[in-house]
Amino acid sequence: MNRIGRWTGYIALVAVVFGALMTTANAQGDGWTQNYKAALNLARQQNKMVLMDFTGSDWCPWCMRLDREIHSTSEVKQYAAKHLI
């Protein structure tokens, strides 16, 4: 395997592992905010962690797969509701 292929694999693995613990904000009004200061304030008030999700949304095949296979699961959604802003 060439060097670029190895790095791509590592990056994909890190994204999947991280995504398994977190969930993503989207434009469907699912309770997430895109306002950083508001998220920090809310996290302090509720004693939760802030999740900052940087993905390519609808143009990145790996990001879409991560959302479909990890972020959309009920387990991740339940964890996020209890622990994340």
N, C-alpha and C. Protein backbone atom coordinates (compact mmCIF):
# COMPACT_ATOMS: atom_id res chain seq x y z
N MET A 1 0.86 -1.17 0.00
CA MET A 1 0.00 0.00 0.00
C MET A 1 0.91 1.24 0.00
N ASN A 2 0.56 2.19 -0.81
CA ASN A 2 1.40 3.40 -0.86
C ASN A 2 1.11 4.31 0.33
N ARG A 3 1.95 5.29 0.49
CA ARG A 3 1.87 6.19 1.65
C ARG A 3 0.55 6.95 1.72
N ILE A 4 0.07 7.44 0.60
CA ILE A 4 -1.20 8.19 0.57
C ILE A 4 -2.36 7.28 0.93
N GLY A 5 -2.36 6.08 0.41
CA GLY A 5 -3.42 5.12 0.73
C GLY A 5 -3.46 4.78 2.20
N ARG A 6 -2.29 4.65 2.81
CA ARG A 6 -2.22 4.36 4.24
C ARG A 6 -2.79 5.51 5.06
N TRP A 7 -2.43 6.74 4.72
CA TRP A 7 -2.94 7.92 5.43
C TRP A 7 -4.45 8.05 5.27
N THR A 8 -4.93 7.78 4.08
CA THR A 8 -6.37 7.85 3.85
C THR A 8 -7.10 6.84 4.73
N GLY A 9 -6.54 5.65 4.83
CA GLY A 9 -7.13 4.63 5.70
C GLY A 9 -7.13 5.03 7.16
N TYR A 10 -6.02 5.61 7.62
CA TYR A 10 -5.93 6.07 9.01
C TYR A 10 -6.95 7.17 9.29
N ILE A 11 -7.07 8.10 8.37
CA ILE A 11 -8.01 9.21 8.55
C ILE A 11 -9.44 8.68 8.60
N ALA A 12 -9.77 7.76 7.71
CA ALA A 12 -11.11 7.18 7.70
C ALA A 12 -11.39 6.45 9.01
N LEU A 13 -10.42 5.71 9.51
CA LEU A 13 -10.59 4.98 10.76
C LEU A 13 -10.82 5.93 11.93
N VAL A 14 -10.04 6.98 12.01
CA VAL A 14 -10.20 7.97 13.08
C VAL A 14 -11.59 8.61 13.00
N ALA A 15 -12.04 8.93 11.80
CA ALA A 15 -13.36 9.55 11.63
C ALA A 15 -14.47 8.61 12.09
N VAL A 16 -14.36 7.33 11.78
CA VAL A 16 -15.39 6.38 12.17
C VAL A 16 -15.39 6.19 13.69
N VAL A 17 -14.21 6.05 14.28
CA VAL A 17 -14.14 5.87 15.74
C VAL A 17 -14.68 7.09 16.46
N PHE A 18 -14.26 8.27 16.02
CA PHE A 18 -14.75 9.51 16.63
C PHE A 18 -16.25 9.63 16.43
N GLY A 19 -16.70 9.34 15.23
CA GLY A 19 -18.13 9.45 14.92
C GLY A 19 -18.99 8.49 15.71
N ALA A 20 -18.42 7.36 16.10
CA ALA A 20 -19.19 6.40 16.89
C ALA A 20 -19.57 6.96 18.24
N LEU A 21 -18.78 7.90 18.73
CA LEU A 21 -19.05 8.48 20.04
C LEU A 21 -19.86 9.76 19.97
N MET A 22 -19.97 10.32 18.82
CA MET A 22 -20.58 11.63 18.67
C MET A 22 -21.72 11.61 17.66
N THR A 23 -22.38 12.74 17.55
CA THR A 23 -23.38 12.92 16.52
C THR A 23 -23.18 14.27 15.88
N THR A 24 -23.83 14.49 14.77
CA THR A 24 -23.57 15.69 14.00
C THR A 24 -24.77 16.62 13.97
N ALA A 25 -24.48 17.88 13.81
CA ALA A 25 -25.54 18.87 13.62
C ALA A 25 -25.91 18.88 12.15
N ASN A 26 -27.15 19.12 11.87
CA ASN A 26 -27.54 19.29 10.48
C ASN A 26 -28.60 20.38 10.38
N ALA A 27 -29.04 20.65 9.18
CA ALA A 27 -29.94 21.77 8.94
C ALA A 27 -31.40 21.41 9.16
N GLN A 28 -31.70 20.26 9.76
CA GLN A 28 -33.08 19.83 9.91
C GLN A 28 -33.69 20.23 11.25
N GLY A 29 -32.99 21.03 12.03
CA GLY A 29 -33.55 21.49 13.29
C GLY A 29 -33.64 20.41 14.34
N ASP A 30 -32.61 19.62 14.50
CA ASP A 30 -32.65 18.52 15.46
C ASP A 30 -32.10 18.89 16.83
N GLY A 31 -32.08 20.17 17.16
CA GLY A 31 -31.65 20.59 18.47
C GLY A 31 -30.20 21.02 18.56
N TRP A 32 -29.44 20.90 17.52
CA TRP A 32 -28.04 21.31 17.52
C TRP A 32 -27.94 22.76 17.12
N THR A 33 -26.86 23.40 17.51
CA THR A 33 -26.65 24.80 17.17
C THR A 33 -25.37 24.96 16.36
N GLN A 34 -25.33 25.98 15.57
CA GLN A 34 -24.11 26.33 14.85
C GLN A 34 -23.47 27.57 15.46
N ASN A 35 -24.02 28.03 16.57
CA ASN A 35 -23.51 29.20 17.26
C ASN A 35 -22.55 28.75 18.37
N TYR A 36 -21.26 28.98 18.16
CA TYR A 36 -20.23 28.49 19.08
C TYR A 36 -20.39 29.07 20.49
N LYS A 37 -20.58 30.36 20.59
CA LYS A 37 -20.71 30.99 21.92
C LYS A 37 -21.94 30.47 22.65
N ALA A 38 -23.04 30.32 21.94
CA ALA A 38 -24.26 29.81 22.56
C ALA A 38 -24.06 28.36 23.02
N ALA A 39 -23.34 27.59 22.23
CA ALA A 39 -23.07 26.19 22.60
C ALA A 39 -22.22 26.12 23.86
N LEU A 40 -21.19 26.97 23.95
CA LEU A 40 -20.35 26.99 25.14
C LEU A 40 -21.15 27.36 26.38
N ASN A 41 -21.99 28.37 26.27
CA ASN A 41 -22.82 28.79 27.40
C ASN A 41 -23.77 27.68 27.83
N LEU A 42 -24.42 27.06 26.87
CA LEU A 42 -25.36 25.98 27.17
C LEU A 42 -24.64 24.78 27.79
N ALA A 43 -23.46 24.48 27.29
CA ALA A 43 -22.68 23.36 27.84
C ALA A 43 -22.29 23.63 29.29
N ARG A 44 -21.91 24.85 29.57
CA ARG A 44 -21.57 25.20 30.96
C ARG A 44 -22.79 25.05 31.87
N GLN A 45 -23.92 25.53 31.41
CA GLN A 45 -25.15 25.47 32.21
C GLN A 45 -25.58 24.03 32.47
N GLN A 46 -25.43 23.17 31.46
CA GLN A 46 -25.91 21.79 31.56
C GLN A 46 -24.81 20.79 31.92
N ASN A 47 -23.59 21.29 32.13
CA ASN A 47 -22.44 20.44 32.45
C ASN A 47 -22.26 19.34 31.39
N LYS A 48 -22.23 19.75 30.13
CA LYS A 48 -22.04 18.83 29.01
C LYS A 48 -20.81 19.23 28.20
N MET A 49 -20.36 18.32 27.35
CA MET A 49 -19.26 18.60 26.44
C MET A 49 -19.80 19.23 25.16
N VAL A 50 -18.95 19.99 24.49
CA VAL A 50 -19.32 20.59 23.21
C VAL A 50 -18.72 19.74 22.09
N LEU A 51 -19.56 19.37 21.16
CA LEU A 51 -19.10 18.64 19.98
C LEU A 51 -18.99 19.62 18.83
N MET A 52 -17.82 19.69 18.25
CA MET A 52 -17.62 20.51 17.04
C MET A 52 -17.40 19.53 15.90
N ASP A 53 -18.29 19.52 14.97
CA ASP A 53 -18.25 18.55 13.87
C ASP A 53 -17.92 19.27 12.57
N PHE A 54 -16.79 18.93 11.99
CA PHE A 54 -16.35 19.52 10.73
C PHE A 54 -16.40 18.45 9.66
N THR A 55 -17.48 18.42 8.91
CA THR A 55 -17.61 17.42 7.84
C THR A 55 -18.01 18.12 6.55
N GLY A 56 -17.96 17.34 5.48
CA GLY A 56 -18.28 17.87 4.17
C GLY A 56 -19.74 17.74 3.79
N SER A 57 -20.56 17.32 4.69
CA SER A 57 -22.01 17.16 4.51
C SER A 57 -22.38 16.44 3.22
N ASP A 58 -22.92 17.14 2.25
CA ASP A 58 -23.48 16.47 1.08
C ASP A 58 -22.52 16.34 -0.11
N TRP A 59 -21.27 16.69 0.04
CA TRP A 59 -20.33 16.53 -1.07
C TRP A 59 -19.24 15.51 -0.77
N CYS A 60 -19.14 15.05 0.47
CA CYS A 60 -18.08 14.13 0.90
C CYS A 60 -18.66 12.73 1.11
N PRO A 61 -18.29 11.76 0.27
CA PRO A 61 -18.85 10.41 0.41
C PRO A 61 -18.59 9.79 1.78
N TRP A 62 -17.39 9.99 2.34
CA TRP A 62 -17.09 9.42 3.65
C TRP A 62 -17.90 10.10 4.75
N CYS A 63 -18.12 11.40 4.62
CA CYS A 63 -18.92 12.13 5.61
C CYS A 63 -20.38 11.66 5.57
N MET A 64 -20.89 11.45 4.37
CA MET A 64 -22.27 10.97 4.24
C MET A 64 -22.41 9.56 4.82
N ARG A 65 -21.40 8.72 4.58
CA ARG A 65 -21.43 7.37 5.13
C ARG A 65 -21.35 7.41 6.65
N LEU A 66 -20.50 8.25 7.18
CA LEU A 66 -20.38 8.41 8.63
C LEU A 66 -21.71 8.84 9.24
N ASP A 67 -22.37 9.78 8.60
CA ASP A 67 -23.68 10.24 9.09
C ASP A 67 -24.71 9.11 9.01
N ARG A 68 -24.73 8.42 7.90
CA ARG A 68 -25.72 7.36 7.67
C ARG A 68 -25.51 6.17 8.61
N GLU A 69 -24.26 5.74 8.80
CA GLU A 69 -23.99 4.51 9.53
C GLU A 69 -23.68 4.72 11.02
N ILE A 70 -23.29 5.92 11.41
CA ILE A 70 -22.92 6.15 12.81
C ILE A 70 -23.80 7.23 13.45
N HIS A 71 -23.74 8.43 12.91
CA HIS A 71 -24.44 9.55 13.53
C HIS A 71 -25.94 9.35 13.64
N SER A 72 -26.53 8.61 12.73
CA SER A 72 -27.97 8.44 12.71
C SER A 72 -28.47 7.31 13.60
N THR A 73 -27.57 6.57 14.24
CA THR A 73 -28.01 5.44 15.07
C THR A 73 -28.65 5.94 16.36
N SER A 74 -29.56 5.15 16.88
CA SER A 74 -30.25 5.55 18.11
C SER A 74 -29.29 5.59 19.29
N GLU A 75 -28.28 4.72 19.31
CA GLU A 75 -27.32 4.72 20.41
C GLU A 75 -26.55 6.04 20.48
N VAL A 76 -26.10 6.50 19.34
CA VAL A 76 -25.34 7.75 19.29
C VAL A 76 -26.25 8.93 19.62
N LYS A 77 -27.45 8.92 19.10
CA LYS A 77 -28.39 10.01 19.39
C LYS A 77 -28.72 10.08 20.88
N GLN A 78 -28.89 8.93 21.53
CA GLN A 78 -29.18 8.91 22.96
C GLN A 78 -27.99 9.43 23.76
N TYR A 79 -26.79 8.99 23.39
CA TYR A 79 -25.58 9.47 24.07
C TYR A 79 -25.46 10.98 23.92
N ALA A 80 -25.66 11.47 22.72
CA ALA A 80 -25.51 12.90 22.46
C ALA A 80 -26.53 13.71 23.25
N ALA A 81 -27.74 13.23 23.34
CA ALA A 81 -28.77 13.96 24.08
C ALA A 81 -28.41 14.10 25.55
N LYS A 82 -27.73 13.11 26.10
CA LYS A 82 -27.37 13.14 27.52
C LYS A 82 -26.06 13.89 27.80
N HIS A 83 -25.12 13.87 26.84
CA HIS A 83 -23.77 14.32 27.14
C HIS A 83 -23.22 15.45 26.27
N LEU A 84 -23.89 15.81 25.19
CA LEU A 84 -23.29 16.73 24.23
C LEU A 84 -24.16 17.92 23.91
N ILE A 85 -23.50 19.01 23.58
CA ILE A 85 -24.15 20.21 23.02
C ILE A 85 -23.54 20.39 21.64
